[in-house]
Amino acid sequence: MRNKYIEAFENAEINSKSIPEFRAGDTLRVAVRITEGDKTRVQYFEGICIARRGSGTGETFIIRKIGANSVGVERIFPIYSESIEEIKVLRYGRVRRAKLFYLRDRRGKAAKIKELRK
């Protein structure tokens, strides 16, 4: 049983932001607002979504990219965060799992995901 005020707040929050349909295996570009001192800028984080979890305003997703020197970098983003400017789906991946944690052990061609044509 949820509090009706919390539920009303969550519904207002969810309806105010437009989030594209995406799931694990899709390649995303997330625009994150970063504040440094009194200045703000937008930084893009592009990679493969390896997991989504939670529901409502507490829902999060994990993006993994290969950074400099072939080092994997993962970030967890809350979907309804104020710091996220936009989420853009670049490619839809064809996968058979909801969580792609096995990609952490793979490098190069072995970590490739087939593209789903829409």
PDB file of N, CA and C in Angstrom:
ATOM      1  N   MET A   1       0.846  -1.179   0.000  1.00  0.00           N
ATOM      2  CA  MET A   1       0.000   0.000   0.000  1.00  0.00           C
ATOM      3  C   MET A   1       0.889   1.239   0.000  1.00  0.00           C
ATOM      4  N   ARG A   2       0.741   2.057  -1.032  1.00  0.00           N
ATOM      5  CA  ARG A   2       1.560   3.256  -1.150  1.00  0.00           C
ATOM      6  C   ARG A   2       0.791   4.480  -0.697  1.00  0.00           C
ATOM      7  N   ASN A   3       1.495   5.444  -0.210  1.00  0.00           N
ATOM      8  CA  ASN A   3       0.908   6.709   0.193  1.00  0.00           C
ATOM      9  C   ASN A   3       0.382   7.433  -1.049  1.00  0.00           C
ATOM     10  N   LYS A   4      -0.824   7.970  -0.986  1.00  0.00           N
ATOM     11  CA  LYS A   4      -1.439   8.580  -2.166  1.00  0.00           C
ATOM     12  C   LYS A   4      -0.706   9.854  -2.593  1.00  0.00           C
ATOM     13  N   TYR A   5      -0.073  10.549  -1.663  1.00  0.00           N
ATOM     14  CA  TYR A   5       0.676  11.757  -2.005  1.00  0.00           C
ATOM     15  C   TYR A   5       1.964  11.403  -2.756  1.00  0.00           C
ATOM     16  N   ILE A   6       2.622  10.365  -2.299  1.00  0.00           N
ATOM     17  CA  ILE A   6       3.844   9.908  -2.980  1.00  0.00           C
ATOM     18  C   ILE A   6       3.485   9.409  -4.371  1.00  0.00           C
ATOM     19  N   GLU A   7       2.388   8.675  -4.476  1.00  0.00           N
ATOM     20  CA  GLU A   7       1.953   8.153  -5.770  1.00  0.00           C
ATOM     21  C   GLU A   7       1.609   9.297  -6.735  1.00  0.00           C
ATOM     22  N   ALA A   8       0.931  10.315  -6.241  1.00  0.00           N
ATOM     23  CA  ALA A   8       0.578  11.466  -7.083  1.00  0.00           C
ATOM     24  C   ALA A   8       1.829  12.203  -7.550  1.00  0.00           C
ATOM     25  N   PHE A   9       2.805  12.353  -6.650  1.00  0.00           N
ATOM     26  CA  PHE A   9       4.068  13.005  -7.017  1.00  0.00           C
ATOM     27  C   PHE A   9       4.793  12.205  -8.092  1.00  0.00           C
ATOM     28  N   GLU A  10       4.864  10.880  -7.916  1.00  0.00           N
ATOM     29  CA  GLU A  10       5.548  10.033  -8.891  1.00  0.00           C
ATOM     30  C   GLU A  10       4.867  10.092 -10.247  1.00  0.00           C
ATOM     31  N   ASN A  11       3.538  10.054 -10.267  1.00  0.00           N
ATOM     32  CA  ASN A  11       2.822  10.120 -11.544  1.00  0.00           C
ATOM     33  C   ASN A  11       3.064  11.450 -12.247  1.00  0.00           C
ATOM     34  N   ALA A  12       3.096  12.551 -11.502  1.00  0.00           N
ATOM     35  CA  ALA A  12       3.376  13.858 -12.093  1.00  0.00           C
ATOM     36  C   ALA A  12       4.794  13.910 -12.648  1.00  0.00           C
ATOM     37  N   GLU A  13       5.737  13.322 -11.925  1.00  0.00           N
ATOM     38  CA  GLU A  13       7.144  13.307 -12.355  1.00  0.00           C
ATOM     39  C   GLU A  13       7.311  12.474 -13.631  1.00  0.00           C
ATOM     40  N   ILE A  14       6.661  11.322 -13.666  1.00  0.00           N
ATOM     41  CA  ILE A  14       6.774  10.427 -14.820  1.00  0.00           C
ATOM     42  C   ILE A  14       6.143  11.053 -16.055  1.00  0.00           C
ATOM     43  N   ASN A  15       5.001  11.710 -15.897  1.00  0.00           N
ATOM     44  CA  ASN A  15       4.304  12.291 -17.047  1.00  0.00           C
ATOM     45  C   ASN A  15       4.969  13.560 -17.558  1.00  0.00           C
ATOM     46  N   SER A  16       5.786  14.228 -16.736  1.00  0.00           N
ATOM     47  CA  SER A  16       6.404  15.486 -17.151  1.00  0.00           C
ATOM     48  C   SER A  16       7.614  15.274 -18.065  1.00  0.00           C
ATOM     49  N   LYS A  17       8.248  14.117 -18.006  1.00  0.00           N
ATOM     50  CA  LYS A  17       9.465  13.870 -18.773  1.00  0.00           C
ATOM     51  C   LYS A  17       9.206  12.821 -19.848  1.00  0.00           C
ATOM     52  N   SER A  18       9.689  13.078 -21.059  1.00  0.00           N
ATOM     53  CA  SER A  18       9.500  12.100 -22.136  1.00  0.00           C
ATOM     54  C   SER A  18      10.765  11.248 -22.252  1.00  0.00           C
ATOM     55  N   ILE A  19      10.597   9.967 -22.010  1.00  0.00           N
ATOM     56  CA  ILE A  19      11.703   9.014 -22.064  1.00  0.00           C
ATOM     57  C   ILE A  19      11.467   8.085 -23.254  1.00  0.00           C
ATOM     58  N   PRO A  20      12.466   7.902 -24.126  1.00  0.00           N
ATOM     59  CA  PRO A  20      12.266   6.996 -25.263  1.00  0.00           C
ATOM     60  C   PRO A  20      12.219   5.541 -24.805  1.00  0.00           C
ATOM     61  N   GLU A  21      11.604   4.709 -25.616  1.00  0.00           N
ATOM     62  CA  GLU A  21      11.559   3.273 -25.330  1.00  0.00           C
ATOM     63  C   GLU A  21      12.936   2.685 -25.612  1.00  0.00           C
ATOM     64  N   PHE A  22      13.527   2.056 -24.616  1.00  0.00           N
ATOM     65  CA  PHE A  22      14.795   1.360 -24.812  1.00  0.00           C
ATOM     66  C   PHE A  22      14.877   0.226 -23.819  1.00  0.00           C
ATOM     67  N   ARG A  23      15.790  -0.704 -24.094  1.00  0.00           N
ATOM     68  CA  ARG A  23      15.988  -1.850 -23.216  1.00  0.00           C
ATOM     69  C   ARG A  23      17.448  -2.271 -23.288  1.00  0.00           C
ATOM     70  N   ALA A  24      17.780  -3.330 -22.592  1.00  0.00           N
ATOM     71  CA  ALA A  24      19.165  -3.806 -22.583  1.00  0.00           C
ATOM     72  C   ALA A  24      19.578  -4.191 -23.995  1.00  0.00           C
ATOM     73  N   GLY A  25      20.794  -3.824 -24.369  1.00  0.00           N
ATOM     74  CA  GLY A  25      21.313  -4.118 -25.696  1.00  0.00           C
ATOM     75  C   GLY A  25      21.278  -2.924 -26.623  1.00  0.00           C
ATOM     76  N   ASP A  26      20.519  -1.898 -26.276  1.00  0.00           N
ATOM     77  CA  ASP A  26      20.437  -0.710 -27.118  1.00  0.00           C
ATOM     78  C   ASP A  26      21.620   0.213 -26.840  1.00  0.00           C
ATOM     79  N   THR A  27      22.078   0.894 -27.883  1.00  0.00           N
ATOM     80  CA  THR A  27      23.147   1.871 -27.740  1.00  0.00           C
ATOM     81  C   THR A  27      22.509   3.233 -27.511  1.00  0.00           C
ATOM     82  N   LEU A  28      22.892   3.874 -26.416  1.00  0.00           N
ATOM     83  CA  LEU A  28      22.283   5.139 -26.009  1.00  0.00           C
ATOM     84  C   LEU A  28      23.318   6.246 -25.940  1.00  0.00           C
ATOM     85  N   ARG A  29      22.837   7.470 -26.121  1.00  0.00           N
ATOM     86  CA  ARG A  29      23.648   8.647 -25.848  1.00  0.00           C
ATOM     87  C   ARG A  29      22.877   9.476 -24.825  1.00  0.00           C
ATOM     88  N   VAL A  30      23.467   9.612 -23.636  1.00  0.00           N
ATOM     89  CA  VAL A  30      22.816  10.327 -22.541  1.00  0.00           C
ATOM     90  C   VAL A  30      23.513  11.671 -22.365  1.00  0.00           C
ATOM     91  N   ALA A  31      22.727  12.745 -22.400  1.00  0.00           N
ATOM     92  CA  ALA A  31      23.254  14.089 -22.171  1.00  0.00           C
ATOM     93  C   ALA A  31      23.095  14.404 -20.689  1.00  0.00           C
ATOM     94  N   VAL A  32      24.221  14.538 -19.995  1.00  0.00           N
ATOM     95  CA  VAL A  32      24.219  14.764 -18.553  1.00  0.00           C
ATOM     96  C   VAL A  32      24.668  16.196 -18.272  1.00  0.00           C
ATOM     97  N   ARG A  33      23.893  16.899 -17.458  1.00  0.00           N
ATOM     98  CA  ARG A  33      24.234  18.264 -17.068  1.00  0.00           C
ATOM     99  C   ARG A  33      25.211  18.196 -15.902  1.00  0.00           C
ATOM    100  N   ILE A  34      26.376  18.834 -16.075  1.00  0.00           N
ATOM    101  CA  ILE A  34      27.418  18.817 -15.049  1.00  0.00           C
ATOM    102  C   ILE A  34      27.643  20.247 -14.571  1.00  0.00           C
ATOM    103  N   THR A  35      27.666  20.420 -13.251  1.00  0.00           N
ATOM    104  CA  THR A  35      27.905  21.731 -12.656  1.00  0.00           C
ATOM    105  C   THR A  35      29.309  21.744 -12.052  1.00  0.00           C
ATOM    106  N   GLU A  36      30.110  22.696 -12.513  1.00  0.00           N
ATOM    107  CA  GLU A  36      31.461  22.875 -11.978  1.00  0.00           C
ATOM    108  C   GLU A  36      31.569  24.303 -11.483  1.00  0.00           C
ATOM    109  N   GLY A  37      31.524  24.464 -10.169  1.00  0.00           N
ATOM    110  CA  GLY A  37      31.533  25.812  -9.600  1.00  0.00           C
ATOM    111  C   GLY A  37      30.212  26.491  -9.894  1.00  0.00           C
ATOM    112  N   ASP A  38      30.272  27.628 -10.612  1.00  0.00           N
ATOM    113  CA  ASP A  38      29.045  28.332 -10.974  1.00  0.00           C
ATOM    114  C   ASP A  38      28.668  28.116 -12.436  1.00  0.00           C
ATOM    115  N   LYS A  39      29.439  27.306 -13.156  1.00  0.00           N
ATOM    116  CA  LYS A  39      29.159  27.044 -14.569  1.00  0.00           C
ATOM    117  C   LYS A  39      28.529  25.661 -14.725  1.00  0.00           C
ATOM    118  N   THR A  40      27.643  25.530 -15.714  1.00  0.00           N
ATOM    119  CA  THR A  40      27.077  24.223 -16.051  1.00  0.00           C
ATOM    120  C   THR A  40      27.351  23.936 -17.519  1.00  0.00           C
ATOM    121  N   ARG A  41      27.531  22.664 -17.820  1.00  0.00           N
ATOM    122  CA  ARG A  41      27.752  22.234 -19.195  1.00  0.00           C
ATOM    123  C   ARG A  41      27.097  20.881 -19.379  1.00  0.00           C
ATOM    124  N   VAL A  42      26.968  20.471 -20.635  1.00  0.00           N
ATOM    125  CA  VAL A  42      26.370  19.180 -20.957  1.00  0.00           C
ATOM    126  C   VAL A  42      27.473  18.255 -21.455  1.00  0.00           C
ATOM    127  N   GLN A  43      27.547  17.090 -20.851  1.00  0.00           N
ATOM    128  CA  GLN A  43      28.523  16.083 -21.261  1.00  0.00           C
ATOM    129  C   GLN A  43      27.762  14.853 -21.733  1.00  0.00           C
ATOM    130  N   TYR A  44      28.187  14.278 -22.846  1.00  0.00           N
ATOM    131  CA  TYR A  44      27.516  13.108 -23.404  1.00  0.00           C
ATOM    132  C   TYR A  44      28.228  11.842 -22.962  1.00  0.00           C
ATOM    133  N   PHE A  45      27.432  10.840 -22.602  1.00  0.00           N
ATOM    134  CA  PHE A  45      27.949   9.522 -22.235  1.00  0.00           C
ATOM    135  C   PHE A  45      27.274   8.534 -23.163  1.00  0.00           C
ATOM    136  N   GLU A  46      28.064   7.896 -24.023  1.00  0.00           N
ATOM    137  CA  GLU A  46      27.514   7.010 -25.045  1.00  0.00           C
ATOM    138  C   GLU A  46      28.010   5.597 -24.824  1.00  0.00           C
ATOM    139  N   GLY A  47      27.087   4.647 -24.816  1.00  0.00           N
ATOM    140  CA  GLY A  47      27.459   3.254 -24.635  1.00  0.00           C
ATOM    141  C   GLY A  47      26.254   2.341 -24.734  1.00  0.00           C
ATOM    142  N   ILE A  48      26.466   1.087 -24.386  1.00  0.00           N
ATOM    143  CA  ILE A  48      25.421   0.064 -24.469  1.00  0.00           C
ATOM    144  C   ILE A  48      24.713  -0.039 -23.131  1.00  0.00           C
ATOM    145  N   CYS A  49      23.402  -0.041 -23.168  1.00  0.00           N
ATOM    146  CA  CYS A  49      22.612  -0.251 -21.959  1.00  0.00           C
ATOM    147  C   CYS A  49      22.703  -1.728 -21.607  1.00  0.00           C
ATOM    148  N   ILE A  50      23.259  -2.059 -20.445  1.00  0.00           N
ATOM    149  CA  ILE A  50      23.405  -3.461 -20.079  1.00  0.00           C
ATOM    150  C   ILE A  50      22.349  -3.919 -19.087  1.00  0.00           C
ATOM    151  N   ALA A  51      21.602  -2.977 -18.480  1.00  0.00           N
ATOM    152  CA  ALA A  51      20.567  -3.387 -17.523  1.00  0.00           C
ATOM    153  C   ALA A  51      19.626  -2.231 -17.228  1.00  0.00           C
ATOM    154  N   ARG A  52      18.384  -2.608 -16.915  1.00  0.00           N
ATOM    155  CA  ARG A  52      17.397  -1.680 -16.365  1.00  0.00           C
ATOM    156  C   ARG A  52      16.826  -2.320 -15.126  1.00  0.00           C
ATOM    157  N   ARG A  53      16.587  -1.531 -14.088  1.00  0.00           N
ATOM    158  CA  ARG A  53      16.026  -2.103 -12.867  1.00  0.00           C
ATOM    159  C   ARG A  53      15.131  -1.084 -12.181  1.00  0.00           C
ATOM    160  N   GLY A  54      14.239  -1.586 -11.333  1.00  0.00           N
ATOM    161  CA  GLY A  54      13.363  -0.724 -10.572  1.00  0.00           C
ATOM    162  C   GLY A  54      12.110  -0.356 -11.331  1.00  0.00           C
ATOM    163  N   SER A  55      11.287   0.467 -10.677  1.00  0.00           N
ATOM    164  CA  SER A  55      10.061   0.936 -11.318  1.00  0.00           C
ATOM    165  C   SER A  55       9.712   2.305 -10.757  1.00  0.00           C
ATOM    166  N   GLY A  56       8.848   3.009 -11.446  1.00  0.00           N
ATOM    167  CA  GLY A  56       8.443   4.338 -11.010  1.00  0.00           C
ATOM    168  C   GLY A  56       9.583   5.325 -11.102  1.00  0.00           C
ATOM    169  N   THR A  57       9.636   6.253 -10.159  1.00  0.00           N
ATOM    170  CA  THR A  57      10.685   7.272 -10.205  1.00  0.00           C
ATOM    171  C   THR A  57      12.034   6.730  -9.738  1.00  0.00           C
ATOM    172  N   GLY A  58      12.054   5.549  -9.157  1.00  0.00           N
ATOM    173  CA  GLY A  58      13.300   4.949  -8.703  1.00  0.00           C
ATOM    174  C   GLY A  58      13.968   4.075  -9.746  1.00  0.00           C
ATOM    175  N   GLU A  59      13.469   4.079 -10.974  1.00  0.00           N
ATOM    176  CA  GLU A  59      14.024   3.220 -12.019  1.00  0.00           C
ATOM    177  C   GLU A  59      15.382   3.732 -12.470  1.00  0.00           C
ATOM    178  N   THR A  60      16.320   2.799 -12.656  1.00  0.00           N
ATOM    179  CA  THR A  60      17.668   3.145 -13.093  1.00  0.00           C
ATOM    180  C   THR A  60      18.077   2.265 -14.269  1.00  0.00           C
ATOM    181  N   PHE A  61      19.115   2.704 -14.970  1.00  0.00           N
ATOM    182  CA  PHE A  61      19.699   1.897 -16.041  1.00  0.00           C
ATOM    183  C   PHE A  61      21.207   2.057 -16.003  1.00  0.00           C
ATOM    184  N   ILE A  62      21.905   1.007 -16.466  1.00  0.00           N
ATOM    185  CA  ILE A  62      23.371   0.989 -16.460  1.00  0.00           C
ATOM    186  C   ILE A  62      23.855   1.071 -17.902  1.00  0.00           C
ATOM    187  N   ILE A  63      24.786   1.979 -18.154  1.00  0.00           N
ATOM    188  CA  ILE A  63      25.395   2.094 -19.478  1.00  0.00           C
ATOM    189  C   ILE A  63      26.870   1.764 -19.363  1.00  0.00           C
ATOM    190  N   ARG A  64      27.347   0.984 -20.309  1.00  0.00           N
ATOM    191  CA  ARG A  64      28.752   0.588 -20.346  1.00  0.00           C
ATOM    192  C   ARG A  64      29.371   1.049 -21.658  1.00  0.00           C
ATOM    193  N   LYS A  65      30.534   1.669 -21.545  1.00  0.00           N
ATOM    194  CA  LYS A  65      31.288   2.049 -22.737  1.00  0.00           C
ATOM    195  C   LYS A  65      32.740   1.654 -22.534  1.00  0.00           C
ATOM    196  N   ILE A  66      33.453   1.550 -23.628  1.00  0.00           N
ATOM    197  CA  ILE A  66      34.883   1.256 -23.559  1.00  0.00           C
ATOM    198  C   ILE A  66      35.608   2.587 -23.657  1.00  0.00           C
ATOM    199  N   GLY A  67      36.300   2.952 -22.598  1.00  0.00           N
ATOM    200  CA  GLY A  67      36.999   4.229 -22.532  1.00  0.00           C
ATOM    201  C   GLY A  67      38.412   4.127 -23.084  1.00  0.00           C
ATOM    202  N   ALA A  68      39.253   5.014 -22.630  1.00  0.00           N
ATOM    203  CA  ALA A  68      40.642   5.066 -23.083  1.00  0.00           C
ATOM    204  C   ALA A  68      41.400   3.822 -22.625  1.00  0.00           C
ATOM    205  N   ASN A  69      42.344   3.375 -23.397  1.00  0.00           N
ATOM    206  CA  ASN A  69      43.174   2.199 -23.114  1.00  0.00           C
ATOM    207  C   ASN A  69      42.348   0.928 -22.947  1.00  0.00           C
ATOM    208  N   SER A  70      41.214   0.844 -23.635  1.00  0.00           N
ATOM    209  CA  SER A  70      40.334  -0.335 -23.609  1.00  0.00           C
ATOM    210  C   SER A  70      39.870  -0.685 -22.196  1.00  0.00           C
ATOM    211  N   VAL A  71      39.614   0.334 -21.394  1.00  0.00           N
ATOM    212  CA  VAL A  71      39.107   0.140 -20.044  1.00  0.00           C
ATOM    213  C   VAL A  71      37.608   0.363 -20.070  1.00  0.00           C
ATOM    214  N   GLY A  72      36.859  -0.593 -19.529  1.00  0.00           N
ATOM    215  CA  GLY A  72      35.407  -0.468 -19.497  1.00  0.00           C
ATOM    216  C   GLY A  72      34.966   0.518 -18.429  1.00  0.00           C
ATOM    217  N   VAL A  73      34.006   1.381 -18.780  1.00  0.00           N
ATOM    218  CA  VAL A  73      33.467   2.364 -17.855  1.00  0.00           C
ATOM    219  C   VAL A  73      31.959   2.167 -17.793  1.00  0.00           C
ATOM    220  N   GLU A  74      31.431   2.042 -16.574  1.00  0.00           N
ATOM    221  CA  GLU A  74      29.989   1.884 -16.395  1.00  0.00           C
ATOM    222  C   GLU A  74      29.465   3.019 -15.537  1.00  0.00           C
ATOM    223  N   ARG A  75      28.260   3.478 -15.874  1.00  0.00           N
ATOM    224  CA  ARG A  75      27.588   4.489 -15.062  1.00  0.00           C
ATOM    225  C   ARG A  75      26.146   4.078 -14.865  1.00  0.00           C
ATOM    226  N   ILE A  76      25.651   4.333 -13.678  1.00  0.00           N
ATOM    227  CA  ILE A  76      24.257   4.051 -13.352  1.00  0.00           C
ATOM    228  C   ILE A  76      23.522   5.386 -13.329  1.00  0.00           C
ATOM    229  N   PHE A  77      22.464   5.485 -14.129  1.00  0.00           N
ATOM    230  CA  PHE A  77      21.677   6.707 -14.214  1.00  0.00           C
ATOM    231  C   PHE A  77      20.264   6.453 -13.720  1.00  0.00           C
ATOM    232  N   PRO A  78      19.737   7.306 -12.848  1.00  0.00           N
ATOM    233  CA  PRO A  78      18.299   7.268 -12.580  1.00  0.00           C
ATOM    234  C   PRO A  78      17.573   7.862 -13.788  1.00  0.00           C
ATOM    235  N   ILE A  79      16.526   7.204 -14.258  1.00  0.00           N
ATOM    236  CA  ILE A  79      15.849   7.651 -15.473  1.00  0.00           C
ATOM    237  C   ILE A  79      15.248   9.044 -15.302  1.00  0.00           C
ATOM    238  N   TYR A  80      14.660   9.317 -14.146  1.00  0.00           N
ATOM    239  CA  TYR A  80      13.982  10.586 -13.932  1.00  0.00           C
ATOM    240  C   TYR A  80      14.843  11.586 -13.177  1.00  0.00           C
ATOM    241  N   SER A  81      16.152  11.516 -13.377  1.00  0.00           N
ATOM    242  CA  SER A  81      17.069  12.437 -12.711  1.00  0.00           C
ATOM    243  C   SER A  81      16.970  13.833 -13.333  1.00  0.00           C
ATOM    244  N   GLU A  82      17.152  14.845 -12.503  1.00  0.00           N
ATOM    245  CA  GLU A  82      17.142  16.226 -12.994  1.00  0.00           C
ATOM    246  C   GLU A  82      18.398  16.527 -13.810  1.00  0.00           C
ATOM    247  N   SER A  83      19.476  15.785 -13.584  1.00  0.00           N
ATOM    248  CA  SER A  83      20.730  16.068 -14.277  1.00  0.00           C
ATOM    249  C   SER A  83      20.752  15.507 -15.701  1.00  0.00           C
ATOM    250  N   ILE A  84      19.788  14.671 -16.060  1.00  0.00           N
ATOM    251  CA  ILE A  84      19.740  14.127 -17.419  1.00  0.00           C
ATOM    252  C   ILE A  84      18.945  15.075 -18.304  1.00  0.00           C
ATOM    253  N   GLU A  85      19.614  15.591 -19.339  1.00  0.00           N
ATOM    254  CA  GLU A  85      18.955  16.486 -20.287  1.00  0.00           C
ATOM    255  C   GLU A  85      18.124  15.680 -21.279  1.00  0.00           C
ATOM    256  N   GLU A  86      18.742  14.678 -21.901  1.00  0.00           N
ATOM    257  CA  GLU A  86      18.019  13.860 -22.866  1.00  0.00           C
ATOM    258  C   GLU A  86      18.661  12.485 -22.979  1.00  0.00           C
ATOM    259  N   ILE A  87      17.860  11.533 -23.421  1.00  0.00           N
ATOM    260  CA  ILE A  87      18.328  10.179 -23.712  1.00  0.00           C
ATOM    261  C   ILE A  87      17.988   9.921 -25.166  1.00  0.00           C
ATOM    262  N   LYS A  88      18.993   9.564 -25.947  1.00  0.00           N
ATOM    263  CA  LYS A  88      18.776   9.319 -27.368  1.00  0.00           C
ATOM    264  C   LYS A  88      19.192   7.889 -27.689  1.00  0.00           C
ATOM    265  N   VAL A  89      18.323   7.147 -28.362  1.00  0.00           N
ATOM    266  CA  VAL A  89      18.628   5.782 -28.772  1.00  0.00           C
ATOM    267  C   VAL A  89      19.294   5.846 -30.140  1.00  0.00           C
ATOM    268  N   LEU A  90      20.536   5.360 -30.228  1.00  0.00           N
ATOM    269  CA  LEU A  90      21.273   5.376 -31.486  1.00  0.00           C
ATOM    270  C   LEU A  90      21.074   4.092 -32.281  1.00  0.00           C
ATOM    271  N   ARG A  91      21.087   2.955 -31.584  1.00  0.00           N
ATOM    272  CA  ARG A  91      20.908   1.647 -32.233  1.00  0.00           C
ATOM    273  C   ARG A  91      20.087   0.759 -31.323  1.00  0.00           C
ATOM    274  N   TYR A  92      19.264  -0.062 -31.921  1.00  0.00           N
ATOM    275  CA  TYR A  92      18.511  -1.060 -31.167  1.00  0.00           C
ATOM    276  C   TYR A  92      19.245  -2.389 -31.300  1.00  0.00           C
ATOM    277  N   GLY A  93      19.566  -3.013 -30.171  1.00  0.00           N
ATOM    278  CA  GLY A  93      20.307  -4.264 -30.191  1.00  0.00           C
ATOM    279  C   GLY A  93      19.378  -5.468 -30.111  1.00  0.00           C
ATOM    280  N   ARG A  94      19.801  -6.550 -30.725  1.00  0.00           N
ATOM    281  CA  ARG A  94      19.029  -7.792 -30.684  1.00  0.00           C
ATOM    282  C   ARG A  94      19.709  -8.729 -29.694  1.00  0.00           C
ATOM    283  N   VAL A  95      19.148  -8.822 -28.485  1.00  0.00           N
ATOM    284  CA  VAL A  95      19.704  -9.661 -27.432  1.00  0.00           C
ATOM    285  C   VAL A  95      18.609 -10.549 -26.859  1.00  0.00           C
ATOM    286  N   ARG A  96      19.021 -11.579 -26.133  1.00  0.00           N
ATOM    287  CA  ARG A  96      18.068 -12.530 -25.577  1.00  0.00           C
ATOM    288  C   ARG A  96      18.058 -12.523 -24.061  1.00  0.00           C
ATOM    289  N   ARG A  97      18.650 -11.503 -23.470  1.00  0.00           N
ATOM    290  CA  ARG A  97      18.718 -11.406 -22.024  1.00  0.00           C
ATOM    291  C   ARG A  97      18.261 -10.018 -21.582  1.00  0.00           C
ATOM    292  N   ALA A  98      17.817  -9.925 -20.340  1.00  0.00           N
ATOM    293  CA  ALA A  98      17.425  -8.635 -19.783  1.00  0.00           C
ATOM    294  C   ALA A  98      18.609  -7.938 -19.129  1.00  0.00           C
ATOM    295  N   LYS A  99      19.593  -8.701 -18.685  1.00  0.00           N
ATOM    296  CA  LYS A  99      20.793  -8.151 -18.074  1.00  0.00           C
ATOM    297  C   LYS A  99      21.997  -8.683 -18.842  1.00  0.00           C
ATOM    298  N   LEU A 100      22.858  -7.803 -19.300  1.00  0.00           N
ATOM    299  CA  LEU A 100      23.991  -8.184 -20.146  1.00  0.00           C
ATOM    300  C   LEU A 100      25.315  -8.052 -19.403  1.00  0.00           C
ATOM    301  N   PHE A 101      25.365  -8.555 -18.175  1.00  0.00           N
ATOM    302  CA  PHE A 101      26.581  -8.434 -17.379  1.00  0.00           C
ATOM    303  C   PHE A 101      27.726  -9.270 -17.940  1.00  0.00           C
ATOM    304  N   TYR A 102      27.420 -10.220 -18.813  1.00  0.00           N
ATOM    305  CA  TYR A 102      28.484 -11.030 -19.416  1.00  0.00           C
ATOM    306  C   TYR A 102      29.381 -10.192 -20.321  1.00  0.00           C
ATOM    307  N   LEU A 103      28.932  -9.008 -20.737  1.00  0.00           N
ATOM    308  CA  LEU A 103      29.760  -8.147 -21.590  1.00  0.00           C
ATOM    309  C   LEU A 103      30.979  -7.610 -20.848  1.00  0.00           C
ATOM    310  N   ARG A 104      30.935  -7.661 -19.516  1.00  0.00           N
ATOM    311  CA  ARG A 104      32.076  -7.178 -18.730  1.00  0.00           C
ATOM    312  C   ARG A 104      33.324  -8.008 -18.972  1.00  0.00           C
ATOM    313  N   ASP A 105      33.151  -9.281 -19.298  1.00  0.00           N
ATOM    314  CA  ASP A 105      34.295 -10.172 -19.508  1.00  0.00           C
ATOM    315  C   ASP A 105      34.742 -10.222 -20.963  1.00  0.00           C
ATOM    316  N   ARG A 106      34.021  -9.576 -21.857  1.00  0.00           N
ATOM    317  CA  ARG A 106      34.303  -9.686 -23.289  1.00  0.00           C
ATOM    318  C   ARG A 106      35.005  -8.437 -23.807  1.00  0.00           C
ATOM    319  N   ARG A 107      35.831  -8.641 -24.837  1.00  0.00           N
ATOM    320  CA  ARG A 107      36.559  -7.548 -25.466  1.00  0.00           C
ATOM    321  C   ARG A 107      36.394  -7.651 -26.981  1.00  0.00           C
ATOM    322  N   GLY A 108      36.456  -6.530 -27.658  1.00  0.00           N
ATOM    323  CA  GLY A 108      36.483  -6.499 -29.115  1.00  0.00           C
ATOM    324  C   GLY A 108      35.251  -7.077 -29.771  1.00  0.00           C
ATOM    325  N   LYS A 109      35.482  -7.999 -30.724  1.00  0.00           N
ATOM    326  CA  LYS A 109      34.397  -8.565 -31.514  1.00  0.00           C
ATOM    327  C   LYS A 109      33.469  -9.432 -30.682  1.00  0.00           C
ATOM    328  N   ALA A 110      33.970 -10.021 -29.625  1.00  0.00           N
ATOM    329  CA  ALA A 110      33.156 -10.883 -28.759  1.00  0.00           C
ATOM    330  C   ALA A 110      32.108 -10.075 -27.998  1.00  0.00           C
ATOM    331  N   ALA A 111      32.339  -8.780 -27.840  1.00  0.00           N
ATOM    332  CA  ALA A 111      31.403  -7.927 -27.111  1.00  0.00           C
ATOM    333  C   ALA A 111      30.406  -7.245 -28.045  1.00  0.00           C
ATOM    334  N   LYS A 112      30.412  -7.657 -29.314  1.00  0.00           N
ATOM    335  CA  LYS A 112      29.548  -7.029 -30.310  1.00  0.00           C
ATOM    336  C   LYS A 112      28.106  -7.505 -30.135  1.00  0.00           C
ATOM    337  N   ILE A 113      27.162  -6.617 -30.372  1.00  0.00           N
ATOM    338  CA  ILE A 113      25.746  -6.951 -30.296  1.00  0.00           C
ATOM    339  C   ILE A 113      25.124  -6.727 -31.661  1.00  0.00           C
ATOM    340  N   LYS A 114      24.334  -7.694 -32.127  1.00  0.00           N
ATOM    341  CA  LYS A 114      23.682  -7.560 -33.423  1.00  0.00           C
ATOM    342  C   LYS A 114      22.664  -6.445 -33.363  1.00  0.00           C
ATOM    343  N   GLU A 115      22.501  -5.772 -34.507  1.00  0.00           N
ATOM    344  CA  GLU A 115      21.559  -4.655 -34.571  1.00  0.00           C
ATOM    345  C   GLU A 115      20.196  -5.144 -35.010  1.00  0.00           C
ATOM    346  N   LEU A 116      19.172  -4.619 -34.372  1.00  0.00           N
ATOM    347  CA  LEU A 116      17.795  -4.932 -34.723  1.00  0.00           C
ATOM    348  C   LEU A 116      17.307  -3.839 -35.655  1.00  0.00           C
ATOM    349  N   ARG A 117      16.930  -4.220 -36.851  1.00  0.00           N
ATOM    350  CA  ARG A 117      16.457  -3.239 -37.836  1.00  0.00           C
ATOM    351  C   ARG A 117      14.998  -2.934 -37.576  1.00  0.00           C
ATOM    352  N   LYS A 118      14.669  -1.648 -37.484  1.00  0.00           N
ATOM    353  CA  LYS A 118      13.265  -1.245 -37.274  1.00  0.00           C
ATOM    354  C   LYS A 118      12.764  -0.433 -38.411  1.00  0.00           C
TER     355      LYS A 118
END
